[in-house]
Amino acid sequence: QVQLVESGGGLVQAGGSLRLSCTVSGILVSMKQMAWYRQAPGKQRDVVAIITSGSSTNYAASVKGRFTISRDNAKNTVYLQMNSLKPEDTAVYYCYLGGVGSWGQGTQVTVSS
């Protein structure tokens, strides 16, 4: 059974940093495309960052240059390093496992101005 567990969310001031983690069990993350999505209140869930099985990365325009997605195959974990956070980054952040189509439970990120 595939499970994704996110952690690392919290409350931070604008300009601060957070690192989100998504630990996966039941499948090797090195073999799959992984992504981070976010959903703000009243808005649709949008992709933030993607990392392919070949470690290519892509980012939403709104986070490019501030966020970095990475993967630790030994820990079977995907990370999202978020720097220079803005109030508009406030959302629930979800980890997504491609191919299988599994989601984590989400972790809240709140950025105060």
Protein backbone atom coordinates (compact mmCIF):
# COMPACT_ATOMS: atom_id res chain seq x y z
CA GLN A 1 0.00 0.00 0.00
CA VAL A 2 1.39 3.37 -1.04
CA GLN A 3 1.38 6.14 1.56
CA LEU A 4 2.61 9.72 1.43
CA VAL A 5 3.14 11.67 4.65
CA GLU A 6 3.93 15.39 4.53
CA SER A 7 5.51 17.42 7.29
CA GLY A 8 7.24 20.74 7.82
CA GLY A 9 4.41 23.20 7.44
CA GLY A 10 3.79 26.00 9.88
CA LEU A 11 3.52 29.72 10.45
CA VAL A 12 6.31 31.96 9.19
CA GLN A 13 6.78 35.66 8.59
CA ALA A 14 7.09 37.05 5.09
CA GLY A 15 10.64 36.64 3.85
CA GLY A 16 11.18 33.51 5.91
CA SER A 17 11.81 29.92 4.88
CA LEU A 18 10.29 26.49 5.41
CA ARG A 19 11.18 23.03 4.18
CA LEU A 20 8.41 20.57 3.49
CA SER A 21 9.04 16.84 3.47
CA CYS A 22 7.06 14.06 1.84
CA THR A 23 8.04 10.59 2.98
CA VAL A 24 6.74 7.78 0.81
CA SER A 25 6.23 4.13 1.72
CA GLY A 26 5.28 1.26 -0.53
CA ILE A 27 7.09 2.45 -3.65
CA LEU A 28 10.48 3.88 -4.59
CA VAL A 29 10.32 7.61 -5.26
CA SER A 30 13.37 7.32 -7.50
CA MET A 31 11.25 5.54 -10.09
CA LYS A 32 8.41 8.04 -10.18
CA GLN A 33 7.61 11.61 -11.01
CA MET A 34 6.73 13.51 -7.85
CA ALA A 35 5.14 16.90 -7.41
CA TRP A 36 4.05 19.45 -4.86
CA TYR A 37 0.68 21.15 -5.22
CA ARG A 38 -0.99 23.81 -3.12
CA GLN A 39 -4.53 24.89 -2.51
CA ALA A 40 -5.51 28.22 -0.99
CA PRO A 41 -8.98 28.73 0.53
CA GLY A 42 -11.60 29.05 -2.19
CA LYS A 43 -9.15 28.29 -4.97
CA GLN A 44 -8.29 25.26 -7.06
CA ARG A 45 -5.34 23.01 -6.34
CA ASP A 46 -2.39 24.08 -8.48
CA VAL A 47 0.97 22.50 -9.20
CA VAL A 48 3.94 24.21 -7.56
CA ALA A 49 6.92 22.04 -8.50
CA ILE A 50 7.67 18.76 -10.28
CA ILE A 51 10.64 16.43 -10.19
CA THR A 52 10.87 13.64 -12.73
CA SER A 53 12.40 10.19 -12.26
CA GLY A 54 15.39 11.61 -14.12
CA SER A 55 15.60 14.50 -11.64
CA SER A 56 14.53 17.20 -14.07
CA THR A 57 12.57 19.92 -12.30
CA ASN A 58 9.88 22.40 -13.26
CA TYR A 59 8.27 25.18 -11.28
CA ALA A 60 5.23 27.38 -11.38
CA ALA A 61 6.14 30.89 -12.48
CA SER A 62 5.01 32.29 -9.12
CA VAL A 63 7.61 30.29 -7.17
CA LYS A 64 10.48 30.01 -9.64
CA GLY A 65 13.72 31.19 -8.07
CA ARG A 66 12.30 30.91 -4.53
CA PHE A 67 11.31 27.24 -4.20
CA THR A 68 13.42 24.15 -4.82
CA ILE A 69 12.15 20.59 -5.16
CA SER A 70 14.57 17.76 -4.44
CA ARG A 71 14.62 14.07 -3.67
CA ASP A 72 16.60 11.87 -1.28
CA ASN A 73 16.36 8.35 -2.66
CA ALA A 74 17.98 6.82 0.42
CA LYS A 75 15.22 8.26 2.60
CA ASN A 76 12.52 7.81 -0.05
CA THR A 77 11.59 11.41 0.58
CA VAL A 78 10.86 14.44 -1.57
CA TYR A 79 11.44 17.95 -0.27
CA LEU A 80 10.23 21.44 -1.08
CA GLN A 81 12.56 24.15 0.15
CA MET A 82 10.65 27.43 0.24
CA ASN A 83 12.57 30.67 0.60
CA SER A 84 11.53 34.33 0.50
CA LEU A 85 8.01 33.34 1.42
CA LYS A 86 5.16 35.71 0.67
CA PRO A 87 1.66 35.97 2.17
CA GLU A 88 0.27 34.72 -1.15
CA ASP A 89 2.14 31.43 -0.61
CA THR A 90 -0.31 30.65 2.19
CA ALA A 91 -2.05 27.38 1.35
CA VAL A 92 -2.31 23.72 2.15
CA TYR A 93 0.56 21.98 0.39
CA TYR A 94 0.11 18.46 -0.95
CA CYS A 95 2.59 15.89 -2.16
CA TYR A 96 1.61 13.93 -5.27
CA LEU A 97 3.00 10.66 -6.60
CA GLY A 98 2.74 10.41 -10.37
CA GLY A 99 1.75 7.22 -12.14
CA VAL A 100 0.08 5.83 -9.04
CA GLY A 101 -1.91 9.01 -8.55
CA SER A 102 -1.61 9.13 -4.77
CA TRP A 103 -1.84 12.22 -2.56
CA GLY A 104 -0.59 13.02 0.89
CA GLN A 105 -2.84 14.44 3.58
CA GLY A 106 -1.54 17.98 3.16
CA THR A 107 0.37 20.36 5.41
CA GLN A 108 -0.64 23.94 6.17
CA VAL A 109 1.73 26.78 5.34
CA THR A 110 0.78 30.22 6.61
CA VAL A 111 2.87 33.29 5.79
CA SER A 112 2.14 36.41 7.79
CA SER A 113 2.82 39.91 6.49
